[in-house]
Amino acid sequence: MQAVNIIEVKNAIGISHSAQDAWLEIMIAGVQEWLETELGLCFTPHHPFTEDLDGTSDALKPRHQPVTCVTSVTGLIDGEAQPFVLSDGLIYRADAQGRLLNYPWTYPVYGFLQPGTPRFRVVYHAGFEHVPAGLKEIMCRLIARRYRNPTAAASTSEAGMRTDWPSMVDDSLRRDMQKYDRRSKISIG
C-alpha cells in the first residue's frame, strides 16, 4: 500500500500531466521505504511481524510502529508464554491477570544473558490504518525536492535509480520527521 498517491504528489509538485507518472511512482515507493526504515514505521495496515528482542529495559519496543496488536510474547530460553500489556507501541510485563508489573523484562531468569542477546520472540501486527497527514506532507515534500532537482542526490546501479533521501532533508523537514520517529524518544531543543 502506498502512503501517498500520485495525485497528492502531483499537487505538491504543481503538475497535472502524466508524462512522468512512472518515475513518480518509483519515487513514492522509494521515499516510503526510506521513511519506514528511518523512522521505524510501517505504512501497510495490519502487517504481521515476528521479532526477537533482548528485553533489557522496562518495555519491549518492536521496530515497526504503530503496533496495532500483539499476538504473543514468548521467552526464547524457556519457551514460556509471557503475560504482557501493550501501551503506546511498547510491551510491558504483566501478571496472569493482566496487571502491569513494576520490574523489567530481565527479571528474574533473563538477566543472566549478555545485553543484546534476544530473550523474547514477539509476534505482532503494525501499520497505519490511515497515514497521518503530516507524514504524507513529508513524503510529498521530499519527492517535490527530488523532482525539482533531478540530477541531485542520485546514482545509478544495476538495480536502477537510487535516491539519497537523507541529503534531501533540511532542518525544517528533520524537525517535522522527528514528530513521527519511533526508533527512540527525541526531544527538540
N, C-alpha and C. Protein backbone atom coordinates (compact mmCIF):
# COMPACT_ATOMS: atom_id res chain seq x y z
N MET A 1 0.83 -1.18 0.00
CA MET A 1 0.00 0.00 0.00
C MET A 1 0.88 1.24 0.00
N GLN A 2 0.55 2.18 -0.86
CA GLN A 2 1.29 3.44 -0.88
C GLN A 2 0.67 4.41 0.11
N ALA A 3 1.54 5.09 0.85
CA ALA A 3 1.09 6.05 1.85
C ALA A 3 0.52 7.31 1.21
N VAL A 4 1.05 7.69 0.05
CA VAL A 4 0.52 8.82 -0.72
C VAL A 4 0.22 8.32 -2.12
N ASN A 5 -0.70 8.99 -2.78
CA ASN A 5 -0.99 8.60 -4.15
C ASN A 5 -0.39 9.63 -5.11
N ILE A 6 -0.39 9.28 -6.35
CA ILE A 6 0.27 10.11 -7.36
C ILE A 6 -0.39 11.49 -7.50
N ILE A 7 -1.69 11.56 -7.26
CA ILE A 7 -2.38 12.86 -7.34
C ILE A 7 -1.90 13.79 -6.23
N GLU A 8 -1.73 13.26 -5.02
CA GLU A 8 -1.21 14.07 -3.91
C GLU A 8 0.19 14.58 -4.23
N VAL A 9 1.01 13.73 -4.82
CA VAL A 9 2.37 14.13 -5.17
C VAL A 9 2.36 15.18 -6.27
N LYS A 10 1.55 14.98 -7.29
CA LYS A 10 1.46 15.95 -8.38
C LYS A 10 0.97 17.31 -7.87
N ASN A 11 0.02 17.31 -6.95
CA ASN A 11 -0.45 18.56 -6.37
C ASN A 11 0.66 19.27 -5.61
N ALA A 12 1.48 18.50 -4.88
CA ALA A 12 2.59 19.10 -4.14
C ALA A 12 3.64 19.69 -5.08
N ILE A 13 3.85 19.03 -6.20
CA ILE A 13 4.83 19.50 -7.18
C ILE A 13 4.26 20.64 -8.02
N GLY A 14 2.98 20.60 -8.27
CA GLY A 14 2.33 21.61 -9.09
C GLY A 14 2.26 21.22 -10.56
N ILE A 15 2.07 19.94 -10.84
CA ILE A 15 1.95 19.48 -12.23
C ILE A 15 0.65 18.71 -12.40
N SER A 16 0.17 18.61 -13.64
CA SER A 16 -1.04 17.83 -13.91
C SER A 16 -0.85 16.82 -15.03
N HIS A 17 0.25 16.93 -15.77
CA HIS A 17 0.47 15.99 -16.87
C HIS A 17 0.85 14.61 -16.36
N SER A 18 0.80 13.62 -17.23
CA SER A 18 1.10 12.25 -16.82
C SER A 18 2.40 11.73 -17.44
N ALA A 19 3.20 12.63 -18.01
CA ALA A 19 4.43 12.21 -18.70
C ALA A 19 5.42 11.52 -17.76
N GLN A 20 5.40 11.87 -16.48
CA GLN A 20 6.38 11.31 -15.56
C GLN A 20 5.74 10.45 -14.47
N ASP A 21 4.57 9.94 -14.72
CA ASP A 21 3.86 9.15 -13.72
C ASP A 21 4.67 7.93 -13.26
N ALA A 22 5.27 7.22 -14.19
CA ALA A 22 6.04 6.03 -13.83
C ALA A 22 7.21 6.41 -12.91
N TRP A 23 7.89 7.50 -13.24
CA TRP A 23 9.01 7.97 -12.42
C TRP A 23 8.52 8.37 -11.03
N LEU A 24 7.38 9.07 -10.97
CA LEU A 24 6.82 9.48 -9.69
C LEU A 24 6.42 8.28 -8.84
N GLU A 25 5.88 7.25 -9.46
CA GLU A 25 5.53 6.03 -8.71
C GLU A 25 6.77 5.39 -8.09
N ILE A 26 7.88 5.40 -8.82
CA ILE A 26 9.15 4.88 -8.29
C ILE A 26 9.61 5.72 -7.10
N MET A 27 9.47 7.03 -7.21
CA MET A 27 9.86 7.94 -6.12
C MET A 27 8.98 7.72 -4.89
N ILE A 28 7.69 7.52 -5.10
CA ILE A 28 6.78 7.26 -3.97
C ILE A 28 7.23 6.00 -3.24
N ALA A 29 7.47 4.93 -3.97
CA ALA A 29 7.91 3.67 -3.34
C ALA A 29 9.24 3.85 -2.62
N GLY A 30 10.16 4.59 -3.24
CA GLY A 30 11.48 4.78 -2.64
C GLY A 30 11.45 5.60 -1.37
N VAL A 31 10.72 6.71 -1.38
CA VAL A 31 10.67 7.55 -0.18
C VAL A 31 9.90 6.85 0.94
N GLN A 32 8.88 6.09 0.58
CA GLN A 32 8.14 5.36 1.60
C GLN A 32 9.03 4.32 2.27
N GLU A 33 9.76 3.56 1.47
CA GLU A 33 10.67 2.55 2.04
C GLU A 33 11.71 3.20 2.95
N TRP A 34 12.27 4.33 2.50
CA TRP A 34 13.29 5.01 3.31
C TRP A 34 12.69 5.52 4.61
N LEU A 35 11.52 6.14 4.57
CA LEU A 35 10.91 6.68 5.79
C LEU A 35 10.52 5.56 6.75
N GLU A 36 10.06 4.43 6.24
CA GLU A 36 9.74 3.31 7.12
C GLU A 36 10.98 2.88 7.91
N THR A 37 12.10 2.78 7.23
CA THR A 37 13.34 2.39 7.89
C THR A 37 13.85 3.50 8.79
N GLU A 38 13.86 4.70 8.29
CA GLU A 38 14.43 5.85 9.02
C GLU A 38 13.65 6.16 10.29
N LEU A 39 12.33 6.03 10.25
CA LEU A 39 11.50 6.43 11.38
C LEU A 39 10.96 5.25 12.19
N GLY A 40 11.19 4.03 11.73
CA GLY A 40 10.69 2.86 12.45
C GLY A 40 9.19 2.69 12.31
N LEU A 41 8.66 2.99 11.12
CA LEU A 41 7.22 2.94 10.89
C LEU A 41 6.86 1.85 9.89
N CYS A 42 5.59 1.54 9.85
CA CYS A 42 5.04 0.64 8.84
C CYS A 42 3.81 1.31 8.26
N PHE A 43 3.79 1.53 6.95
CA PHE A 43 2.67 2.19 6.31
C PHE A 43 1.58 1.22 5.86
N THR A 44 1.85 -0.08 5.89
CA THR A 44 0.87 -1.08 5.47
C THR A 44 0.03 -1.48 6.69
N PRO A 45 -1.29 -1.30 6.64
CA PRO A 45 -2.11 -1.63 7.81
C PRO A 45 -2.10 -3.12 8.12
N HIS A 46 -2.05 -3.42 9.41
CA HIS A 46 -2.16 -4.79 9.93
C HIS A 46 -1.10 -5.73 9.36
N HIS A 47 0.09 -5.23 9.13
CA HIS A 47 1.18 -6.05 8.60
C HIS A 47 1.75 -6.92 9.73
N PRO A 48 1.88 -8.24 9.50
CA PRO A 48 2.40 -9.13 10.55
C PRO A 48 3.93 -9.11 10.63
N PHE A 49 4.44 -9.16 11.84
CA PHE A 49 5.88 -9.21 12.09
C PHE A 49 6.16 -10.21 13.20
N THR A 50 7.32 -10.84 13.13
CA THR A 50 7.86 -11.64 14.23
C THR A 50 9.26 -11.11 14.47
N GLU A 51 9.54 -10.78 15.72
CA GLU A 51 10.81 -10.13 16.04
C GLU A 51 11.35 -10.67 17.35
N ASP A 52 12.65 -10.92 17.40
CA ASP A 52 13.31 -11.33 18.63
C ASP A 52 13.94 -10.10 19.28
N LEU A 53 13.57 -9.86 20.54
CA LEU A 53 14.02 -8.67 21.26
C LEU A 53 14.79 -9.07 22.50
N ASP A 54 15.71 -8.20 22.92
CA ASP A 54 16.55 -8.56 24.06
C ASP A 54 15.90 -8.30 25.41
N GLY A 55 14.99 -7.37 25.51
CA GLY A 55 14.29 -7.15 26.77
C GLY A 55 15.16 -6.61 27.88
N THR A 56 16.09 -5.72 27.56
CA THR A 56 16.98 -5.18 28.60
C THR A 56 16.44 -3.92 29.26
N SER A 57 15.19 -3.56 28.97
CA SER A 57 14.61 -2.38 29.60
C SER A 57 13.24 -2.74 30.17
N ASP A 58 12.54 -1.73 30.68
CA ASP A 58 11.22 -1.95 31.27
C ASP A 58 10.19 -2.39 30.24
N ALA A 59 10.41 -2.02 28.97
CA ALA A 59 9.43 -2.34 27.93
C ALA A 59 10.13 -2.92 26.71
N LEU A 60 9.44 -3.82 26.03
CA LEU A 60 9.89 -4.32 24.74
C LEU A 60 9.39 -3.33 23.70
N LYS A 61 10.28 -2.95 22.79
CA LYS A 61 9.90 -1.96 21.78
C LYS A 61 10.11 -2.55 20.39
N PRO A 62 9.05 -3.03 19.76
CA PRO A 62 9.18 -3.55 18.41
C PRO A 62 9.67 -2.48 17.44
N ARG A 63 10.40 -2.91 16.42
CA ARG A 63 10.99 -1.98 15.44
C ARG A 63 9.95 -1.29 14.59
N HIS A 64 8.86 -1.95 14.30
CA HIS A 64 7.87 -1.42 13.38
C HIS A 64 6.69 -0.86 14.16
N GLN A 65 6.34 0.39 13.89
CA GLN A 65 5.28 1.08 14.59
C GLN A 65 4.30 1.67 13.58
N PRO A 66 3.12 1.99 13.91
CA PRO A 66 2.49 1.76 15.20
C PRO A 66 2.05 0.30 15.36
N VAL A 67 2.29 -0.23 16.54
CA VAL A 67 1.86 -1.59 16.84
C VAL A 67 0.35 -1.56 17.05
N THR A 68 -0.37 -2.39 16.33
CA THR A 68 -1.83 -2.42 16.45
C THR A 68 -2.31 -3.56 17.33
N CYS A 69 -1.56 -4.65 17.39
CA CYS A 69 -1.89 -5.73 18.32
C CYS A 69 -0.67 -6.63 18.49
N VAL A 70 -0.61 -7.29 19.63
CA VAL A 70 0.45 -8.25 19.91
C VAL A 70 -0.23 -9.60 20.11
N THR A 71 0.22 -10.58 19.34
CA THR A 71 -0.34 -11.92 19.44
C THR A 71 0.28 -12.70 20.58
N SER A 72 1.63 -12.60 20.70
CA SER A 72 2.30 -13.35 21.75
C SER A 72 3.67 -12.77 22.06
N VAL A 73 4.10 -13.03 23.29
CA VAL A 73 5.47 -12.77 23.74
C VAL A 73 5.91 -14.08 24.38
N THR A 74 6.98 -14.66 23.84
CA THR A 74 7.45 -15.96 24.31
C THR A 74 8.92 -15.87 24.68
N GLY A 75 9.27 -16.42 25.84
CA GLY A 75 10.66 -16.47 26.25
C GLY A 75 11.43 -17.42 25.34
N LEU A 76 12.56 -16.97 24.82
CA LEU A 76 13.36 -17.83 23.94
C LEU A 76 14.14 -18.88 24.71
N ILE A 77 14.36 -18.65 25.98
CA ILE A 77 15.12 -19.60 26.78
C ILE A 77 14.24 -20.74 27.26
N ASP A 78 13.07 -20.40 27.80
CA ASP A 78 12.22 -21.43 28.38
C ASP A 78 10.99 -21.77 27.53
N GLY A 79 10.75 -21.02 26.46
CA GLY A 79 9.60 -21.29 25.60
C GLY A 79 8.27 -20.94 26.22
N GLU A 80 8.29 -20.27 27.37
CA GLU A 80 7.06 -19.93 28.09
C GLU A 80 6.41 -18.68 27.52
N ALA A 81 5.08 -18.72 27.42
CA ALA A 81 4.32 -17.51 27.05
C ALA A 81 4.43 -16.52 28.20
N GLN A 82 4.60 -15.26 27.86
CA GLN A 82 4.76 -14.21 28.86
C GLN A 82 3.54 -13.29 28.85
N PRO A 83 2.91 -13.06 30.01
CA PRO A 83 1.81 -12.11 30.05
C PRO A 83 2.35 -10.69 29.79
N PHE A 84 1.55 -9.88 29.12
CA PHE A 84 2.01 -8.55 28.75
C PHE A 84 0.86 -7.57 28.67
N VAL A 85 1.23 -6.29 28.65
CA VAL A 85 0.29 -5.20 28.43
C VAL A 85 0.89 -4.34 27.33
N LEU A 86 0.10 -4.01 26.31
CA LEU A 86 0.54 -3.14 25.22
C LEU A 86 0.06 -1.72 25.50
N SER A 87 0.98 -0.78 25.46
CA SER A 87 0.63 0.62 25.68
C SER A 87 1.51 1.51 24.82
N ASP A 88 0.90 2.28 23.93
CA ASP A 88 1.60 3.25 23.08
C ASP A 88 2.77 2.61 22.33
N GLY A 89 2.55 1.41 21.78
CA GLY A 89 3.57 0.74 20.98
C GLY A 89 4.64 0.03 21.77
N LEU A 90 4.55 0.06 23.09
CA LEU A 90 5.51 -0.61 23.95
C LEU A 90 4.83 -1.77 24.66
N ILE A 91 5.60 -2.83 24.93
CA ILE A 91 5.06 -4.03 25.55
C ILE A 91 5.66 -4.14 26.95
N TYR A 92 4.80 -4.11 27.96
CA TYR A 92 5.23 -4.16 29.36
C TYR A 92 4.87 -5.51 29.95
N ARG A 93 5.64 -5.89 30.97
CA ARG A 93 5.38 -7.13 31.71
C ARG A 93 4.09 -7.01 32.49
N ALA A 94 3.37 -8.11 32.58
CA ALA A 94 2.12 -8.14 33.34
C ALA A 94 2.04 -9.47 34.09
N ASP A 95 1.15 -9.50 35.06
CA ASP A 95 0.90 -10.77 35.74
C ASP A 95 -0.19 -11.52 34.96
N ALA A 96 -0.57 -12.68 35.44
CA ALA A 96 -1.53 -13.53 34.73
C ALA A 96 -2.90 -12.87 34.59
N GLN A 97 -3.21 -11.90 35.44
CA GLN A 97 -4.49 -11.19 35.37
C GLN A 97 -4.40 -9.94 34.49
N GLY A 98 -3.24 -9.70 33.88
CA GLY A 98 -3.07 -8.55 33.00
C GLY A 98 -2.72 -7.26 33.72
N ARG A 99 -2.35 -7.34 35.00
CA ARG A 99 -1.95 -6.15 35.74
C ARG A 99 -0.47 -5.87 35.47
N LEU A 100 -0.17 -4.62 35.24
CA LEU A 100 1.20 -4.20 34.95
C LEU A 100 2.12 -4.51 36.11
N LEU A 101 3.28 -5.13 35.81
CA LEU A 101 4.28 -5.42 36.84
C LEU A 101 5.34 -4.32 36.83
N ASN A 102 5.87 -4.03 37.98
CA ASN A 102 6.80 -2.93 38.12
C ASN A 102 8.25 -3.42 38.15
N TYR A 103 8.61 -4.30 37.24
CA TYR A 103 10.00 -4.69 37.10
C TYR A 103 10.29 -5.03 35.65
N PRO A 104 11.55 -4.89 35.23
CA PRO A 104 11.89 -5.04 33.81
C PRO A 104 11.78 -6.48 33.32
N TRP A 105 11.85 -6.62 32.02
CA TRP A 105 11.76 -7.92 31.37
C TRP A 105 12.94 -8.82 31.72
N THR A 106 14.03 -8.28 32.20
CA THR A 106 15.21 -9.09 32.50
C THR A 106 15.06 -9.87 33.81
N TYR A 107 14.08 -9.57 34.61
CA TYR A 107 13.91 -10.21 35.92
C TYR A 107 13.01 -11.42 35.80
N PRO A 108 13.27 -12.52 36.43
CA PRO A 108 14.48 -12.90 37.15
C PRO A 108 15.48 -13.68 36.29
N VAL A 109 15.03 -14.72 35.56
CA VAL A 109 15.94 -15.62 34.88
C VAL A 109 16.61 -14.98 33.67
N TYR A 110 15.99 -14.01 33.06
CA TYR A 110 16.51 -13.48 31.82
C TYR A 110 17.65 -12.50 32.01
N GLY A 111 17.96 -12.16 33.23
CA GLY A 111 19.02 -11.19 33.49
C GLY A 111 20.42 -11.72 33.35
N PHE A 112 20.60 -13.01 33.15
CA PHE A 112 21.93 -13.60 33.10
C PHE A 112 22.55 -13.59 31.72
N LEU A 113 21.85 -13.11 30.71
CA LEU A 113 22.36 -13.08 29.35
C LEU A 113 23.03 -11.74 29.08
N GLN A 114 23.94 -11.75 28.13
CA GLN A 114 24.61 -10.51 27.72
C GLN A 114 23.59 -9.55 27.10
N PRO A 115 23.73 -8.24 27.35
CA PRO A 115 22.85 -7.28 26.68
C PRO A 115 22.94 -7.45 25.16
N GLY A 116 21.80 -7.34 24.51
CA GLY A 116 21.75 -7.52 23.06
C GLY A 116 21.40 -8.94 22.65
N THR A 117 21.45 -9.87 23.59
CA THR A 117 21.07 -11.26 23.30
C THR A 117 19.55 -11.35 23.30
N PRO A 118 18.95 -11.83 22.21
CA PRO A 118 17.49 -11.94 22.19
C PRO A 118 16.98 -12.86 23.30
N ARG A 119 15.98 -12.37 24.03
CA ARG A 119 15.39 -13.13 25.12
C ARG A 119 13.92 -13.49 24.84
N PHE A 120 13.28 -12.70 23.96
CA PHE A 120 11.85 -12.86 23.73
C PHE A 120 11.53 -12.82 22.25
N ARG A 121 10.59 -13.64 21.85
CA ARG A 121 10.04 -13.58 20.49
C ARG A 121 8.66 -12.93 20.59
N VAL A 122 8.50 -11.86 19.83
CA VAL A 122 7.26 -11.09 19.84
C VAL A 122 6.59 -11.26 18.47
N VAL A 123 5.35 -11.67 18.47
CA VAL A 123 4.55 -11.77 17.25
C VAL A 123 3.51 -10.67 17.34
N TYR A 124 3.51 -9.79 16.34
CA TYR A 124 2.64 -8.62 16.41
C TYR A 124 2.25 -8.13 15.02
N HIS A 125 1.31 -7.21 15.00
CA HIS A 125 0.89 -6.53 13.77
C HIS A 125 1.14 -5.04 13.96
N ALA A 126 1.55 -4.41 12.88
CA ALA A 126 1.80 -2.96 12.94
C ALA A 126 1.34 -2.33 11.63
N GLY A 127 1.20 -1.04 11.66
CA GLY A 127 0.88 -0.30 10.45
C GLY A 127 -0.24 0.69 10.65
N PHE A 128 -0.21 1.73 9.85
CA PHE A 128 -1.23 2.77 9.91
C PHE A 128 -2.48 2.32 9.18
N GLU A 129 -3.61 2.47 9.81
CA GLU A 129 -4.89 2.30 9.11
C GLU A 129 -5.07 3.49 8.17
N HIS A 130 -4.75 4.68 8.67
CA HIS A 130 -4.77 5.91 7.88
C HIS A 130 -3.48 6.65 8.17
N VAL A 131 -2.68 6.88 7.15
CA VAL A 131 -1.39 7.56 7.31
C VAL A 131 -1.66 9.01 7.71
N PRO A 132 -1.01 9.49 8.78
CA PRO A 132 -1.21 10.87 9.21
C PRO A 132 -0.87 11.87 8.10
N ALA A 133 -1.64 12.94 8.05
CA ALA A 133 -1.45 13.97 7.02
C ALA A 133 -0.04 14.54 7.06
N GLY A 134 0.54 14.67 8.24
CA GLY A 134 1.90 15.20 8.35
C GLY A 134 2.93 14.32 7.68
N LEU A 135 2.76 13.00 7.78
CA LEU A 135 3.67 12.08 7.10
C LEU A 135 3.49 12.14 5.59
N LYS A 136 2.25 12.26 5.15
CA LYS A 136 2.01 12.41 3.72
C LYS A 136 2.67 13.67 3.19
N GLU A 137 2.56 14.74 3.96
CA GLU A 137 3.19 16.01 3.55
C GLU A 137 4.70 15.86 3.47
N ILE A 138 5.31 15.18 4.42
CA ILE A 138 6.76 14.96 4.41
C ILE A 138 7.15 14.20 3.14
N MET A 139 6.41 13.15 2.81
CA MET A 139 6.71 12.37 1.62
C MET A 139 6.60 13.24 0.36
N CYS A 140 5.54 14.02 0.28
CA CYS A 140 5.35 14.88 -0.89
C CYS A 140 6.45 15.93 -1.00
N ARG A 141 6.85 16.50 0.12
CA ARG A 141 7.93 17.50 0.11
C ARG A 141 9.24 16.90 -0.38
N LEU A 142 9.55 15.69 0.09
CA LEU A 142 10.79 15.03 -0.35
C LEU A 142 10.76 14.73 -1.84
N ILE A 143 9.65 14.21 -2.33
CA ILE A 143 9.54 13.90 -3.75
C ILE A 143 9.60 15.18 -4.58
N ALA A 144 8.96 16.24 -4.10
CA ALA A 144 9.00 17.53 -4.82
C ALA A 144 10.43 18.05 -4.91
N ARG A 145 11.20 17.92 -3.83
CA ARG A 145 12.60 18.35 -3.87
C ARG A 145 13.39 17.55 -4.89
N ARG A 146 13.13 16.27 -4.92
CA ARG A 146 13.83 15.40 -5.89
C ARG A 146 13.40 15.74 -7.31
N TYR A 147 12.13 16.04 -7.51
CA TYR A 147 11.60 16.38 -8.84
C TYR A 147 12.23 17.68 -9.35
N ARG A 148 12.35 18.65 -8.48
CA ARG A 148 12.87 19.96 -8.88
C ARG A 148 14.37 19.95 -9.12
N ASN A 149 15.04 18.93 -8.64
CA ASN A 149 16.48 18.82 -8.82
C ASN A 149 16.79 17.38 -9.25
N PRO A 150 16.47 17.04 -10.51
CA PRO A 150 16.52 15.63 -10.94
C PRO A 150 17.91 15.00 -10.96
N THR A 151 18.97 15.78 -11.01
CA THR A 151 20.31 15.18 -11.04
C THR A 151 20.95 15.12 -9.67
N ALA A 152 20.36 15.78 -8.68
CA ALA A 152 20.96 15.81 -7.35
C ALA A 152 20.69 14.51 -6.61
N ALA A 153 21.66 14.11 -5.83
CA ALA A 153 21.50 13.00 -4.88
C ALA A 153 20.98 11.73 -5.54
N ALA A 154 21.43 11.44 -6.73
CA ALA A 154 21.00 10.20 -7.38
C ALA A 154 22.22 9.47 -7.93
N SER A 155 22.12 8.19 -7.94
CA SER A 155 23.14 7.37 -8.57
C SER A 155 22.45 6.24 -9.29
N THR A 156 23.12 5.66 -10.24
CA THR A 156 22.53 4.56 -10.99
C THR A 156 23.35 3.30 -10.72
N SER A 157 22.66 2.23 -10.46
CA SER A 157 23.32 0.94 -10.25
C SER A 157 22.58 -0.09 -11.07
N GLU A 158 22.98 -1.35 -10.93
CA GLU A 158 22.30 -2.42 -11.66
C GLU A 158 20.84 -2.52 -11.26
N ALA A 159 20.54 -2.14 -10.02
CA ALA A 159 19.16 -2.22 -9.55
C ALA A 159 18.32 -1.06 -10.07
N GLY A 160 18.94 -0.07 -10.65
CA GLY A 160 18.20 1.08 -11.17
C GLY A 160 18.58 2.35 -10.45
N MET A 161 17.71 3.36 -10.55
CA MET A 161 17.99 4.65 -9.94
C MET A 161 17.81 4.57 -8.42
N ARG A 162 18.71 5.21 -7.73
CA ARG A 162 18.66 5.25 -6.27
C ARG A 162 18.79 6.70 -5.84
N THR A 163 17.95 7.12 -4.92
CA THR A 163 17.99 8.49 -4.41
C THR A 163 18.56 8.49 -3.01
N ASP A 164 19.43 9.43 -2.75
CA ASP A 164 19.99 9.61 -1.42
C ASP A 164 19.03 10.51 -0.64
N TRP A 165 17.97 9.92 -0.10
CA TRP A 165 16.93 10.70 0.57
C TRP A 165 17.46 11.53 1.73
N PRO A 166 18.41 11.03 2.55
CA PRO A 166 18.88 11.87 3.66
C PRO A 166 19.45 13.22 3.20
N SER A 167 20.03 13.26 2.01
CA SER A 167 20.60 14.54 1.54
C SER A 167 19.51 15.54 1.17
N MET A 168 18.27 15.08 1.05
CA MET A 168 17.15 15.96 0.72
C MET A 168 16.51 16.60 1.95
N VAL A 169 16.96 16.19 3.13
CA VAL A 169 16.33 16.62 4.38
C VAL A 169 17.08 17.83 4.95
N ASP A 170 16.35 18.95 5.08
CA ASP A 170 16.92 20.13 5.74
C ASP A 170 16.42 20.16 7.19
N ASP A 171 16.82 21.18 7.94
CA ASP A 171 16.46 21.25 9.37
C ASP A 171 14.95 21.29 9.59
N SER A 172 14.24 22.01 8.75
CA SER A 172 12.78 22.12 8.89
C SER A 172 12.12 20.75 8.70
N LEU A 173 12.52 20.06 7.66
CA LEU A 173 11.96 18.73 7.39
C LEU A 173 12.37 17.74 8.48
N ARG A 174 13.60 17.85 8.96
CA ARG A 174 14.08 16.96 10.03
C ARG A 174 13.22 17.14 11.29
N ARG A 175 12.89 18.40 11.63
CA ARG A 175 12.03 18.63 12.80
C ARG A 175 10.65 18.01 12.60
N ASP A 176 10.11 18.14 11.39
CA ASP A 176 8.81 17.54 11.11
C ASP A 176 8.87 16.02 11.19
N MET A 177 9.96 15.44 10.72
CA MET A 177 10.13 13.98 10.76
C MET A 177 10.26 13.48 12.20
N GLN A 178 10.91 14.25 13.05
CA GLN A 178 11.12 13.81 14.44
C GLN A 178 9.81 13.59 15.18
N LYS A 179 8.75 14.26 14.77
CA LYS A 179 7.45 14.07 15.41
C LYS A 179 6.95 12.63 15.24
N TYR A 180 7.43 11.97 14.21
CA TYR A 180 6.96 10.61 13.89
C TYR A 180 8.00 9.53 14.15
N ASP A 181 9.18 9.91 14.62
CA ASP A 181 10.27 8.95 14.82
C ASP A 181 9.94 8.03 15.97
N ARG A 182 9.86 6.73 15.71
CA ARG A 182 9.53 5.74 16.72
C ARG A 182 10.73 4.92 17.16
N ARG A 183 11.92 5.23 16.61
CA ARG A 183 13.10 4.48 16.99
C ARG A 183 13.54 4.81 18.40
N SER A 184 13.37 6.07 18.80
CA SER A 184 13.75 6.49 20.15
C SER A 184 12.97 7.75 20.48
N LYS A 185 12.97 8.09 21.72
CA LYS A 185 12.32 9.34 22.13
C LYS A 185 13.30 10.47 21.84
N ILE A 186 12.88 11.41 21.05
CA ILE A 186 13.74 12.53 20.65
C ILE A 186 13.14 13.81 21.18
N SER A 187 13.96 14.62 21.79
CA SER A 187 13.47 15.94 22.20
C SER A 187 14.15 16.98 21.33
N ILE A 188 13.36 17.96 20.92
CA ILE A 188 13.90 19.02 20.08
C ILE A 188 14.23 20.20 20.96
N GLY A 189 15.48 20.64 20.87
CA GLY A 189 15.97 21.68 21.76
C GLY A 189 15.59 23.03 21.45
